[in-house]
Amino acid sequence: MKKLMLGNEAIARGAYEARVRVSSAYPGTPSTEINECVAGYPEIYCEWAPNEKVAVEVAIGASVAGARSMACMKHVGLNVAADPYYTAAYTGVNAGMVVIVADDPGMHSSQNEQDTRMHAKASHTPCLDPSDSQECKDFMRTALEISEEYDTPVILRLTTRIAHARTIVELGERREVGLRPYVRDVKKYVSMPANMKGRHIVVEDRERRLAEAANELGINRIEWGDRGIGVITSGAAYNYVKEAMPNASVLKLGLAYPLPRKLIEEFASQVTELFVVEDMEPFYEETIKSWGIACSGKDKTGVQGELFARRIAAKFMGAPEPGPMETQGIPVRPPVLCPGCPHRGLYYILGKLKLTVCSDIGCYTLGALPPLAGVDTCVCMGASIGMAHGMEKARGVEQAKCTVAVLGDSTFCHSGITGLLNVMYNRSAGTVIIADNSITGMTGHQHNPSTGFDIHGNAAPQLDLIKLCESMGVKHVVTVDPYDLAELERVLREETARDELSVIISRRPCALIVKQPNVPYVCDLEKCRRCGMCMKIGCPAIRRTESGVEVDATQCVGCGLCATICPFNALSAKGE
C-alpha cells in the first residue's frame, strides 16, 4: 500500500513499523507533527514532555529497560537535551534509541540555523540524513538497527523541507521485535568518572568500526552520470542537485556522520571536478578537504539560508541568479498576532508604560513587531527571567522596576520554573509575567502540564501556576485578564513598583481555542476622527481607508479590544 505522507508523518510510521514502544517529545517547528502522528498509533506509548531534556531522559530509560524508544525535537531543542544525550553516547543503550532532530535552514521559525551534524560529531554518535518521506520511514528502522548493533544512541536529522514536504511512501507491516532483557550493569550505565573512562575507549572503537562499515552501508550510494562533474550531497540538497544538475554523477550520503572515507575517495578519484552541496555548515566539505581531496562548495553558496534548485544551478552551472521573493511576485507575509490574541492587550499596556521587556520564545514574541514594538530581548526558551534578573544585578533595583520578563505557560513549564526559582533564591526584585493562554500556541496547540490534558486530549493532572509560584516564596502573585486594559495597567504599575519579586499571570485562553461571541465590530465613520489609536494594537482585522477605519468582518473575532481604546466610541459590535 502506498500513501502520500509528510516526512514527519513518515517518521511516525517508521517508528510504528520498527516497533518503537516509547516516544517522548517537546513540540518545536519543524518537528512537532512527528509525535502528534505517533499518538495515532495506540501500540506506542506517547507523551509530551515538559522539555527536550526530559524527553531524551525518558527515551534513555526506556531503551535501558529493553524497549525501542525515540525522542523528537527541533534543532535548538537538542541544546537543551545535550546533557543526557552526550553521556548516553558513553553509557550506550540496550534496545534501539533514536533522537529525531529537525533543523531549520533559512530560519523559517527559529532563532538560529545551527547544524545538528555538528552535535553528532561532538557526541561521537551516528547521524542519518533522509532525502524524502520514504527514506524518513526506512531510516527509522535503519537507525534503530544501527543503535542496537553499535550500542549507541542515533540522531535522525531532518530539515524543514523534508519534515514538511509530502512524497509517496510504501507502507509495511509492524515488525515483531520483543523487549530486550534488562541486565544490571553498573560499569556501563552509571556515569561515574571511573566507569566512563573505560566507556570512552568503547566510544572511540565504536566510531572507528561504524566509519569503516559506512563504506558498505546501502544508504550511502553512488549514482553515476557525467563523470566530468561529481557532487557529494545529502538530505534536501540531494533533491535540488538532481533537479539542477541532472547529468552529474552524485554520491548521496544517507549517513551524515561518520563519513565513508573509502567511498568518498573512490568517487572523487573518478570525477574531473568535485562539488559538495550541503545545507548549512560546510560539514562534509571541511572533512573531505582535510583528507587532501580538492573540492568546492561553500565558496559558491555560503552558509546562510536554504539551497534551492535554482540557486544551485546558478552557483554551479552558470544559470541566471534567482531574484528575491519580492521580485518574483510572491507576497511577503509577516508574522502577526492573530485577531483576538490575548497577548495583544498585554503588549499594548507594556508599551504604554514604556517598560523594558525580556521576552521568551512563543506567540508573544510577535509583540516585538510594529506597531506594538514591545520586546527588547529574546534569546531562547526560559531566558526571559534569567536575563531580567541579570539586568537587575547589573543596574540595581531601579532597573528591575522598569523591566519585566514575559513568557508563556508552556515555556514556563519548559525552562522558566528554574529561572523563577533562581530569582527568588537570590533575592532579586522584578516582575515576571506568565502569559497563560492555556496551550502551547505557536507550534499548533499542543498540551502542556498546565493545561490539564495529555497528548491524546485525555484529562491529566493540571499544574497550578499560582500555588507553584507561592511555594517558591513569591509573596505577590496576581492573575489578570489581558482584555481588561484598565485593570491590567493598574496591576502592572503596582507590581513593578515593588522592591521584591512579583508574578503576574495574564490569563485568557488562545482566541483559536475558546471562540469569542464572533460578532464582528464595525466602525461608525461619523464618529471616527482617524486618530489612529485603534491601529496601535496591530490587529490584522483593522485597516485604514480614505474615509476612516474599516474592520474586516472575515477576520474580526469580536474581542472588543479596539473599542476599549477608541476615545470617540466609534467602534462597536455589529448590531449594538
Protein backbone atom coordinates (compact mmCIF):
# COMPACT_ATOMS: atom_id res chain seq x y z
CA MET A 1 0.00 0.00 0.00
CA LYS A 2 1.25 3.47 -0.89
CA LYS A 3 0.38 6.75 0.77
CA LEU A 4 1.32 10.41 0.35
CA MET A 5 2.94 11.43 3.63
CA LEU A 6 4.76 14.31 5.27
CA GLY A 7 8.31 13.49 6.26
CA ASN A 8 7.23 13.91 9.89
CA GLU A 9 4.29 11.59 9.34
CA ALA A 10 6.57 9.02 7.72
CA ILE A 11 8.92 9.13 10.72
CA ALA A 12 5.97 8.16 12.92
CA ARG A 13 5.03 5.38 10.51
CA GLY A 14 8.61 4.12 10.54
CA ALA A 15 8.55 4.09 14.34
CA TYR A 16 5.35 2.06 14.27
CA GLU A 17 6.66 -0.47 11.75
CA ALA A 18 10.01 -0.84 13.58
CA ARG A 19 8.13 -1.48 16.86
CA VAL A 20 9.16 1.57 18.83
CA ARG A 21 7.40 1.27 22.19
CA VAL A 22 8.05 4.65 23.86
CA SER A 23 8.08 8.14 22.33
CA SER A 24 8.60 11.42 24.19
CA ALA A 25 8.89 14.91 22.71
CA TYR A 26 8.54 18.63 23.18
CA PRO A 27 6.81 20.45 20.29
CA GLY A 28 9.00 22.65 18.12
CA THR A 29 8.63 23.58 14.45
CA PRO A 30 9.52 21.84 12.17
CA SER A 31 9.42 18.64 14.28
CA THR A 32 6.04 18.98 16.02
CA GLU A 33 3.92 16.72 13.83
CA ILE A 34 6.13 13.66 14.46
CA ASN A 35 4.86 12.95 17.95
CA GLU A 36 1.35 14.09 17.06
CA CYS A 37 1.34 11.37 14.37
CA VAL A 38 2.91 8.84 16.74
CA ALA A 39 -0.06 9.49 19.05
CA GLY A 40 -2.24 7.99 16.32
CA TYR A 41 -0.65 4.58 16.90
CA PRO A 42 -2.06 3.19 20.17
CA GLU A 43 0.64 0.49 20.18
CA ILE A 44 3.24 3.17 21.05
CA TYR A 45 3.27 4.91 24.42
CA CYS A 46 3.45 8.60 23.52
CA GLU A 47 3.76 11.79 25.59
CA TRP A 48 4.53 15.49 25.58
CA ALA A 49 7.44 16.11 27.94
CA PRO A 50 7.94 19.47 29.71
CA ASN A 51 11.16 19.96 27.69
CA GLU A 52 13.58 18.17 25.39
CA LYS A 53 15.99 17.15 28.14
CA VAL A 54 13.23 15.22 29.87
CA ALA A 55 12.17 13.68 26.55
CA VAL A 56 15.65 12.28 25.92
CA GLU A 57 15.92 11.02 29.50
CA VAL A 58 12.63 9.16 29.05
CA ALA A 59 13.92 7.61 25.83
CA ILE A 60 17.19 6.58 27.52
CA GLY A 61 15.31 4.95 30.39
CA ALA A 62 13.02 3.05 28.04
CA SER A 63 15.99 1.86 25.99
CA VAL A 64 17.94 0.67 29.02
CA ALA A 65 14.81 -1.20 30.14
CA GLY A 66 14.77 -3.03 26.81
CA ALA A 67 12.20 -1.12 24.72
CA ARG A 68 12.91 0.61 21.43
CA SER A 69 12.44 4.32 22.03
CA MET A 70 12.58 7.76 20.44
CA ALA A 71 12.61 11.44 21.35
CA CYS A 72 11.67 14.27 18.96
CA MET A 73 12.63 17.95 18.91
CA LYS A 74 13.79 20.84 16.75
CA HIS A 75 17.47 21.68 16.45
CA VAL A 76 17.67 24.12 19.36
CA GLY A 77 15.91 21.52 21.49
CA LEU A 78 18.97 19.31 21.20
CA ASN A 79 20.91 22.03 23.01
CA VAL A 80 18.57 21.54 25.96
CA ALA A 81 18.87 17.75 25.67
CA ALA A 82 22.63 17.67 25.10
CA ASP A 83 23.44 16.90 28.74
CA PRO A 84 21.79 13.46 28.87
CA TYR A 85 22.39 12.75 25.17
CA TYR A 86 26.16 13.21 25.22
CA THR A 87 26.50 10.98 28.28
CA ALA A 88 24.22 8.36 26.74
CA ALA A 89 26.81 8.17 23.96
CA TYR A 90 29.21 6.86 26.63
CA THR A 91 26.85 4.55 28.51
CA GLY A 92 25.38 3.18 25.31
CA VAL A 93 21.91 1.69 25.03
CA ASN A 94 20.12 -1.61 25.29
CA ALA A 95 17.20 -1.53 22.85
CA GLY A 96 17.45 0.89 19.92
CA MET A 97 17.16 4.59 20.74
CA VAL A 98 16.75 7.35 18.15
CA VAL A 99 16.62 11.11 18.67
CA ILE A 100 14.87 12.83 15.76
CA VAL A 101 16.06 16.41 15.32
CA ALA A 102 14.63 18.83 12.75
CA ASP A 103 16.96 21.59 11.55
CA ASP A 104 15.61 24.81 10.06
CA PRO A 105 17.75 26.20 7.19
CA GLY A 106 16.52 29.68 6.41
CA MET A 107 15.20 30.16 9.96
CA HIS A 108 11.53 29.88 8.98
CA SER A 109 10.54 29.54 12.62
CA SER A 110 13.78 29.52 14.60
CA GLN A 111 16.29 31.86 16.17
CA ASN A 112 19.35 30.32 14.51
CA GLU A 113 20.50 27.96 11.74
CA GLN A 114 22.62 25.60 13.81
CA ASP A 115 23.58 22.32 12.16
CA THR A 116 22.77 19.14 14.10
CA ARG A 117 25.52 17.24 12.27
CA MET A 118 27.93 19.18 14.48
CA HIS A 119 26.25 17.67 17.54
CA ALA A 120 26.67 14.20 16.03
CA LYS A 121 30.40 14.69 15.59
CA ALA A 122 30.84 16.27 19.02
CA SER A 123 28.92 13.47 20.74
CA HIS A 124 30.57 10.73 18.63
CA THR A 125 27.20 9.32 17.61
CA PRO A 126 25.91 8.42 14.12
CA CYS A 127 23.59 10.74 12.24
CA LEU A 128 21.29 9.80 9.36
CA ASP A 129 20.04 12.35 6.80
CA PRO A 130 16.95 11.30 4.75
CA SER A 131 16.00 12.97 1.46
CA ASP A 132 12.28 12.19 1.22
CA SER A 133 9.39 10.69 3.15
CA GLN A 134 10.15 7.13 2.06
CA GLU A 135 13.64 7.47 3.50
CA CYS A 136 12.22 9.04 6.64
CA LYS A 137 10.25 5.86 7.24
CA ASP A 138 13.01 3.47 6.18
CA PHE A 139 15.77 5.32 8.03
CA MET A 140 13.87 4.96 11.31
CA ARG A 141 14.34 1.19 11.05
CA THR A 142 17.96 1.59 9.95
CA ALA A 143 18.69 3.98 12.79
CA LEU A 144 17.25 1.58 15.36
CA GLU A 145 19.26 -1.31 13.93
CA ILE A 146 22.47 0.75 13.99
CA SER A 147 21.68 1.78 17.54
CA GLU A 148 21.39 -1.83 18.66
CA GLU A 149 24.30 -3.18 16.64
CA TYR A 150 26.73 -0.49 17.77
CA ASP A 151 25.32 0.15 21.26
CA THR A 152 24.73 3.85 20.70
CA PRO A 153 22.00 6.48 20.55
CA VAL A 154 21.45 7.65 16.97
CA ILE A 155 20.40 11.02 15.55
CA LEU A 156 17.94 11.07 12.67
CA ARG A 157 18.27 14.58 11.25
CA LEU A 158 15.56 16.26 9.18
CA THR A 159 15.37 19.72 7.68
CA THR A 160 12.24 21.82 7.22
CA ARG A 161 11.70 20.84 3.58
CA ILE A 162 11.93 17.13 4.37
CA ALA A 163 9.80 17.38 7.52
CA HIS A 164 7.03 19.36 5.81
CA ALA A 165 7.07 18.00 2.25
CA ARG A 166 4.83 15.16 1.09
CA THR A 167 6.13 12.30 -1.07
CA ILE A 168 4.91 8.77 -1.77
CA VAL A 169 5.63 6.15 0.91
CA GLU A 170 5.36 2.38 0.57
CA LEU A 171 3.81 1.19 3.83
CA GLY A 172 4.87 -2.01 5.56
CA GLU A 173 3.71 -4.19 8.41
CA ARG A 174 4.65 -3.74 12.07
CA ARG A 175 7.63 -5.97 12.89
CA GLU A 176 7.79 -8.42 15.75
CA VAL A 177 10.55 -7.10 17.99
CA GLY A 178 10.38 -8.21 21.60
CA LEU A 179 11.57 -6.45 24.72
CA ARG A 180 15.23 -6.98 25.35
CA PRO A 181 16.11 -8.28 28.80
CA TYR A 182 17.31 -5.68 31.28
CA VAL A 183 20.65 -6.65 32.77
CA ARG A 184 22.06 -4.64 35.66
CA ASP A 185 25.46 -3.29 34.59
CA VAL A 186 26.83 -0.61 36.90
CA LYS A 187 30.07 -0.12 34.95
CA LYS A 188 28.09 0.57 31.77
CA TYR A 189 25.13 2.60 32.95
CA VAL A 190 26.42 4.56 35.96
CA SER A 191 28.29 7.58 34.60
CA MET A 192 30.92 7.92 37.30
CA PRO A 193 34.36 9.05 36.10
CA ALA A 194 35.97 5.67 36.83
CA ASN A 195 33.34 3.91 34.72
CA MET A 196 33.20 6.40 31.88
CA LYS A 197 36.96 6.44 31.30
CA GLY A 198 36.63 2.87 30.13
CA ARG A 199 33.46 3.65 28.17
CA HIS A 200 35.26 6.43 26.29
CA ILE A 201 37.52 3.79 24.78
CA VAL A 202 34.40 1.89 23.74
CA VAL A 203 33.04 5.03 22.06
CA GLU A 204 36.26 5.50 20.06
CA ASP A 205 36.27 1.90 18.90
CA ARG A 206 32.58 2.06 18.01
CA GLU A 207 33.08 5.20 15.92
CA ARG A 208 36.01 3.60 14.06
CA ARG A 209 34.02 0.43 13.29
CA LEU A 210 30.97 2.39 12.15
CA ALA A 211 33.09 4.64 9.89
CA GLU A 212 34.52 1.54 8.23
CA ALA A 213 31.10 -0.07 7.85
CA ALA A 214 29.73 3.16 6.34
CA ASN A 215 31.64 2.39 3.11
CA GLU A 216 29.36 -0.59 2.51
CA LEU A 217 26.18 0.81 4.03
CA GLY A 218 23.36 0.80 1.49
CA ILE A 219 22.06 4.23 2.45
CA ASN A 220 25.29 5.72 1.04
CA ARG A 221 25.18 5.25 -2.74
CA ILE A 222 26.81 6.44 -5.96
CA GLU A 223 24.61 7.42 -8.92
CA TRP A 224 26.91 7.60 -11.93
CA GLY A 225 26.29 10.14 -14.68
CA ASP A 226 28.63 12.58 -16.40
CA ARG A 227 31.98 11.99 -14.69
CA GLY A 228 33.12 15.48 -15.59
CA ILE A 229 31.11 16.71 -12.60
CA GLY A 230 30.74 14.86 -9.33
CA VAL A 231 28.55 16.04 -6.45
CA ILE A 232 28.56 14.84 -2.85
CA THR A 233 25.29 15.72 -1.14
CA SER A 234 22.54 14.52 1.21
CA GLY A 235 19.13 15.37 2.64
CA ALA A 236 17.01 18.00 0.95
CA ALA A 237 20.00 19.25 -1.04
CA TYR A 238 20.09 15.92 -2.91
CA ASN A 239 16.71 16.66 -4.47
CA TYR A 240 17.84 20.12 -5.56
CA VAL A 241 21.05 18.71 -7.08
CA LYS A 242 19.10 16.14 -9.10
CA GLU A 243 16.90 18.91 -10.49
CA ALA A 244 19.61 21.49 -11.10
CA MET A 245 22.37 19.11 -12.29
CA PRO A 246 20.51 16.11 -13.76
CA ASN A 247 23.51 14.74 -15.67
CA ALA A 248 26.08 14.96 -12.88
CA SER A 249 27.44 11.95 -11.01
CA VAL A 250 26.18 12.02 -7.43
CA LEU A 251 27.36 10.44 -4.20
CA LYS A 252 24.29 10.53 -1.96
CA LEU A 253 25.10 10.26 1.72
CA GLY A 254 22.38 8.74 3.88
CA LEU A 255 24.75 8.55 6.84
CA ALA A 256 25.84 12.11 7.59
CA TYR A 257 28.26 11.00 10.30
CA PRO A 258 30.66 9.24 10.37
CA LEU A 259 31.57 9.71 6.73
CA PRO A 260 32.52 6.79 4.43
CA ARG A 261 36.08 7.83 3.60
CA LYS A 262 36.93 4.99 1.19
CA LEU A 263 33.69 5.50 -0.74
CA ILE A 264 34.29 9.25 -0.96
CA GLU A 265 37.89 8.75 -2.09
CA GLU A 266 36.76 6.28 -4.76
CA PHE A 267 34.09 8.68 -6.02
CA ALA A 268 36.43 11.69 -6.03
CA SER A 269 39.09 9.80 -7.97
CA GLN A 270 36.67 9.11 -10.83
CA VAL A 271 35.29 12.60 -11.46
CA THR A 272 37.03 15.58 -13.00
CA GLU A 273 35.56 18.29 -10.79
CA LEU A 274 34.13 17.65 -7.33
CA PHE A 275 31.45 19.75 -5.69
CA VAL A 276 29.97 19.38 -2.22
CA VAL A 277 26.40 20.66 -1.95
CA GLU A 278 25.03 20.71 1.60
CA ASP A 279 22.62 22.87 3.57
CA MET A 280 24.02 24.98 6.38
CA GLU A 281 27.62 24.42 7.52
CA PRO A 282 30.50 23.02 5.38
CA PHE A 283 30.35 19.82 7.43
CA TYR A 284 31.19 17.38 4.64
CA GLU A 285 33.37 19.81 2.73
CA GLU A 286 35.77 20.56 5.58
CA THR A 287 36.24 16.87 6.38
CA ILE A 288 36.79 15.93 2.74
CA LYS A 289 39.34 18.72 2.28
CA SER A 290 41.14 17.57 5.45
CA TRP A 291 41.73 14.25 3.67
CA GLY A 292 43.56 16.10 0.89
CA ILE A 293 40.71 15.88 -1.63
CA ALA A 294 40.13 19.01 -3.70
CA CYS A 295 36.52 20.12 -3.79
CA SER A 296 34.35 23.21 -3.89
CA GLY A 297 31.06 24.14 -2.29
CA LYS A 298 30.51 26.80 0.33
CA ASP A 299 32.76 29.25 -1.51
CA LYS A 300 29.91 29.36 -4.04
CA THR A 301 26.80 29.08 -1.89
CA GLY A 302 27.80 30.46 1.50
CA VAL A 303 26.36 29.07 4.74
CA GLN A 304 23.23 31.21 5.08
CA GLY A 305 19.75 30.23 4.03
CA GLU A 306 18.37 27.31 2.04
CA LEU A 307 19.76 25.74 -1.10
CA PHE A 308 17.13 25.57 -3.83
CA ALA A 309 17.49 24.09 -7.31
CA ARG A 310 17.66 27.50 -8.99
CA ARG A 311 20.32 28.65 -6.57
CA ILE A 312 22.42 25.53 -7.16
CA ALA A 313 22.02 25.85 -10.93
CA ALA A 314 23.18 29.46 -10.73
CA LYS A 315 26.16 28.81 -8.46
CA PHE A 316 27.46 25.60 -10.05
CA MET A 317 26.09 25.56 -13.61
CA GLY A 318 26.17 29.24 -14.58
CA ALA A 319 22.38 29.67 -14.77
CA PRO A 320 20.85 33.11 -14.10
CA GLU A 321 20.74 34.11 -10.44
CA PRO A 322 17.25 33.81 -8.91
CA GLY A 323 15.91 37.08 -7.55
CA PRO A 324 14.50 37.66 -4.07
CA MET A 325 10.91 36.63 -3.41
CA GLU A 326 9.71 40.22 -3.68
CA THR A 327 10.79 40.42 -7.32
CA GLN A 328 9.20 37.10 -8.22
CA GLY A 329 5.69 38.26 -7.40
CA ILE A 330 5.47 36.22 -4.20
CA PRO A 331 3.83 38.32 -1.49
CA VAL A 332 5.66 38.54 1.81
CA ARG A 333 3.50 37.60 4.80
CA PRO A 334 4.95 38.98 8.03
CA PRO A 335 4.06 37.04 11.19
CA VAL A 336 1.43 38.73 13.31
CA LEU A 337 -0.61 38.05 16.44
CA CYS A 338 -3.98 36.56 15.49
CA PRO A 339 -7.15 38.65 15.78
CA GLY A 340 -8.37 38.39 19.36
CA CYS A 341 -4.99 37.20 20.68
CA PRO A 342 -4.85 37.83 24.45
CA HIS A 343 -1.20 38.87 24.19
CA ARG A 344 -2.16 41.98 22.19
CA GLY A 345 -3.65 43.83 25.16
CA LEU A 346 -0.68 42.87 27.33
CA TYR A 347 1.85 44.32 24.91
CA TYR A 348 -0.24 47.40 24.33
CA ILE A 349 -0.06 48.24 28.04
CA LEU A 350 3.62 47.27 28.32
CA GLY A 351 4.35 49.71 25.50
CA LYS A 352 2.21 52.41 27.06
CA LEU A 353 4.20 52.11 30.31
CA LYS A 354 7.49 52.09 28.37
CA LEU A 355 8.79 49.04 30.21
CA THR A 356 11.86 47.08 29.17
CA VAL A 357 10.59 43.64 28.11
CA CYS A 358 12.71 40.48 28.19
CA SER A 359 10.65 38.07 26.11
CA ASP A 360 10.79 34.34 25.52
CA ILE A 361 10.07 32.07 22.55
CA GLY A 362 6.36 31.82 21.72
CA CYS A 363 3.40 33.65 20.16
CA TYR A 364 4.05 36.59 22.48
CA THR A 365 7.44 37.11 20.78
CA LEU A 366 5.42 38.62 17.91
CA GLY A 367 4.83 41.57 20.25
CA ALA A 368 8.26 42.72 19.05
CA LEU A 369 6.81 43.81 15.71
CA PRO A 370 5.34 47.25 14.97
CA PRO A 371 3.08 48.81 15.94
CA LEU A 372 3.28 47.08 19.35
CA ALA A 373 7.11 47.02 19.25
CA GLY A 374 7.06 45.78 22.82
CA VAL A 375 10.05 43.39 23.07
CA ASP A 376 13.62 44.35 23.91
CA THR A 377 15.31 40.94 24.12
CA CYS A 378 14.59 37.35 23.12
CA VAL A 379 17.21 34.59 23.21
CA CYS A 380 15.82 31.15 23.97
CA MET A 381 13.28 29.17 25.98
CA GLY A 382 13.34 30.31 29.59
CA ALA A 383 15.89 33.09 29.09
CA SER A 384 13.49 35.93 29.79
CA ILE A 385 13.56 35.50 33.58
CA GLY A 386 17.30 34.96 33.78
CA MET A 387 18.01 38.00 31.61
CA ALA A 388 15.71 40.26 33.61
CA HIS A 389 17.44 39.02 36.77
CA GLY A 390 20.84 39.78 35.21
CA MET A 391 19.74 43.30 34.33
CA GLU A 392 18.68 43.90 37.92
CA LYS A 393 22.01 42.64 39.26
CA ALA A 394 23.90 44.78 36.76
CA ARG A 395 21.99 48.04 37.26
CA GLY A 396 20.16 47.75 40.57
CA VAL A 397 16.59 47.73 41.82
CA GLU A 398 15.55 50.78 39.83
CA GLN A 399 16.28 48.82 36.63
CA ALA A 400 14.12 45.98 37.95
CA LYS A 401 11.21 48.39 38.44
CA CYS A 402 11.13 49.16 34.72
CA THR A 403 11.90 45.64 33.48
CA VAL A 404 9.57 42.68 33.08
CA ALA A 405 10.10 39.10 31.90
CA VAL A 406 7.36 37.69 29.67
CA LEU A 407 6.92 34.00 28.90
CA GLY A 408 4.06 31.62 28.17
CA ASP A 409 2.59 28.85 30.26
CA SER A 410 4.27 26.14 28.18
CA THR A 411 7.62 27.93 28.21
CA PHE A 412 7.35 28.45 31.96
CA CYS A 413 6.96 24.68 32.36
CA HIS A 414 9.78 24.06 29.85
CA SER A 415 12.53 26.11 31.50
CA GLY A 416 11.04 29.12 33.26
CA ILE A 417 10.47 27.42 36.61
CA THR A 418 14.18 27.18 37.39
CA GLY A 419 14.65 30.81 36.31
CA LEU A 420 11.96 31.97 38.72
CA LEU A 421 13.48 29.82 41.47
CA ASN A 422 16.84 31.48 40.83
CA VAL A 423 15.37 34.98 41.09
CA MET A 424 13.64 34.12 44.34
CA TYR A 425 16.62 32.30 45.83
CA ASN A 426 18.99 35.15 45.06
CA ARG A 427 16.64 37.80 46.45
CA SER A 428 16.14 39.72 43.24
CA ALA A 429 13.40 42.24 42.56
CA GLY A 430 11.49 42.38 39.32
CA THR A 431 8.25 41.31 37.69
CA VAL A 432 7.63 38.07 35.83
CA ILE A 433 4.58 37.87 33.56
CA ILE A 434 3.29 34.43 32.64
CA ALA A 435 1.21 34.94 29.50
CA ASP A 436 -1.10 31.99 30.11
CA ASN A 437 -3.15 31.27 27.01
CA SER A 438 -3.86 27.69 28.18
CA ILE A 439 -1.97 25.97 25.35
CA THR A 440 1.35 25.67 23.53
CA GLY A 441 0.26 28.12 20.87
CA MET A 442 2.92 28.84 18.28
CA THR A 443 3.55 25.19 17.38
CA GLY A 444 -0.13 24.46 16.81
CA HIS A 445 -1.98 23.88 20.07
CA GLN A 446 -0.20 21.11 21.96
CA HIS A 447 -0.99 20.47 25.60
CA ASN A 448 1.49 21.00 28.42
CA PRO A 449 1.49 20.31 32.20
CA SER A 450 -0.52 23.47 32.92
CA THR A 451 -3.45 22.70 30.57
CA GLY A 452 -4.90 19.65 32.31
CA PHE A 453 -4.78 17.35 29.25
CA ASP A 454 -2.27 14.89 27.77
CA ILE A 455 -1.19 14.38 24.15
CA HIS A 456 -4.35 12.35 23.45
CA GLY A 457 -6.65 15.03 24.90
CA ASN A 458 -7.40 12.95 27.97
CA ALA A 459 -7.68 14.62 31.37
CA ALA A 460 -4.35 14.83 33.21
CA PRO A 461 -3.13 16.41 36.47
CA GLN A 462 -3.00 20.18 35.97
CA LEU A 463 -0.15 22.27 37.31
CA ASP A 464 -1.43 25.13 39.45
CA LEU A 465 0.79 28.05 38.47
CA ILE A 466 -0.32 30.19 41.39
CA LYS A 467 0.45 27.55 44.01
CA LEU A 468 3.76 26.72 42.36
CA CYS A 469 4.91 30.36 42.48
CA GLU A 470 3.73 30.72 46.07
CA SER A 471 5.54 27.53 47.05
CA MET A 472 8.80 29.15 45.92
CA GLY A 473 8.17 32.00 48.33
CA VAL A 474 6.77 34.58 45.90
CA LYS A 475 4.52 36.77 48.06
CA HIS A 476 2.83 38.68 45.26
CA VAL A 477 1.07 36.53 42.65
CA VAL A 478 -1.72 38.29 40.75
CA THR A 479 -3.99 37.00 37.99
CA VAL A 480 -5.41 39.45 35.47
CA ASP A 481 -7.45 39.30 32.25
CA PRO A 482 -5.44 40.98 29.44
CA TYR A 483 -8.70 42.09 27.81
CA ASP A 484 -9.32 44.29 30.86
CA LEU A 485 -6.84 47.00 29.93
CA ALA A 486 -7.61 49.30 32.86
CA GLU A 487 -7.09 46.55 35.42
CA LEU A 488 -4.02 45.25 33.60
CA GLU A 489 -2.44 48.70 33.67
CA ARG A 490 -3.24 49.12 37.36
CA VAL A 491 -1.71 45.75 38.23
CA LEU A 492 1.41 46.39 36.17
CA ARG A 493 2.00 49.77 37.78
CA GLU A 494 1.52 48.30 41.24
CA GLU A 495 3.68 45.22 40.81
CA THR A 496 6.59 46.87 39.00
CA ALA A 497 6.82 49.46 41.78
CA ARG A 498 7.70 46.81 44.37
CA ASP A 499 11.18 46.26 45.80
CA GLU A 500 10.70 42.49 45.64
CA LEU A 501 9.75 39.79 43.20
CA SER A 502 6.20 39.58 41.90
CA VAL A 503 4.45 37.36 39.36
CA ILE A 504 1.56 38.44 37.13
CA ILE A 505 -0.41 35.70 35.40
CA SER A 506 -2.00 37.26 32.32
CA ARG A 507 -4.69 34.64 31.81
CA ARG A 508 -7.05 34.23 28.88
CA PRO A 509 -7.27 31.23 26.51
CA CYS A 510 -6.00 31.48 22.96
CA ALA A 511 -8.66 33.00 20.71
CA LEU A 512 -8.42 29.94 18.46
CA ILE A 513 -9.40 27.63 21.33
CA VAL A 514 -12.19 29.46 23.12
CA LYS A 515 -14.17 31.29 20.50
CA GLN A 516 -15.37 34.83 21.18
CA PRO A 517 -19.03 35.77 20.55
CA ASN A 518 -17.80 36.22 16.99
CA VAL A 519 -19.93 39.29 16.40
CA PRO A 520 -17.66 41.42 14.21
CA TYR A 521 -17.09 45.04 15.13
CA VAL A 522 -17.87 47.92 12.83
CA CYS A 523 -16.70 51.49 12.69
CA ASP A 524 -19.15 54.41 12.75
CA LEU A 525 -17.45 56.71 10.23
CA GLU A 526 -19.39 59.71 11.54
CA LYS A 527 -17.78 59.27 14.95
CA CYS A 528 -14.35 58.22 13.67
CA ARG A 529 -11.76 61.03 13.85
CA ARG A 530 -8.99 58.98 12.18
CA CYS A 531 -6.83 59.48 15.28
CA GLY A 532 -5.09 56.12 14.75
CA MET A 533 -5.49 54.81 18.29
CA CYS A 534 -7.09 51.58 17.08
CA MET A 535 -4.15 50.99 14.76
CA LYS A 536 -1.73 50.90 17.71
CA ILE A 537 -2.83 47.40 18.76
CA GLY A 538 -1.76 45.94 15.41
CA CYS A 539 -4.89 43.90 14.80
CA PRO A 540 -4.88 42.46 11.24
CA ALA A 541 -8.67 42.88 11.04
CA ILE A 542 -8.40 46.69 11.22
CA ARG A 543 -7.24 48.83 8.30
CA ARG A 544 -7.22 52.47 7.35
CA THR A 545 -9.28 53.77 4.45
CA GLU A 546 -9.62 57.23 2.95
CA SER A 547 -12.85 57.78 4.84
CA GLY A 548 -11.71 56.34 8.18
CA VAL A 549 -11.21 52.91 9.71
CA GLU A 550 -12.67 49.68 8.41
CA VAL A 551 -12.96 46.36 10.23
CA ASP A 552 -12.66 43.19 8.14
CA ALA A 553 -15.62 41.09 9.28
CA THR A 554 -13.99 37.91 7.94
CA GLN A 555 -11.09 38.31 10.38
CA CYS A 556 -12.66 40.05 13.37
CA VAL A 557 -13.44 37.68 16.25
CA GLY A 558 -15.30 40.25 18.32
CA CYS A 559 -12.81 40.60 21.17
CA GLY A 560 -13.64 44.32 21.54
CA LEU A 561 -10.09 45.48 22.30
CA CYS A 562 -10.28 48.14 19.60
CA ALA A 563 -13.48 49.57 21.12
CA THR A 564 -11.81 49.70 24.53
CA ILE A 565 -9.10 52.07 23.35
CA CYS A 566 -11.15 54.16 20.90
CA PRO A 567 -11.57 57.61 22.53
CA PHE A 568 -14.57 58.51 20.37
CA ASN A 569 -16.69 55.36 20.77
CA ALA A 570 -16.57 54.86 17.02
CA LEU A 571 -16.14 51.08 17.23
CA SER A 572 -18.88 48.72 18.43
CA ALA A 573 -20.16 45.21 17.87
CA LYS A 574 -22.35 44.93 14.81
CA GLY A 575 -25.95 45.48 15.78
CA GLU A 576 -25.25 47.25 19.06
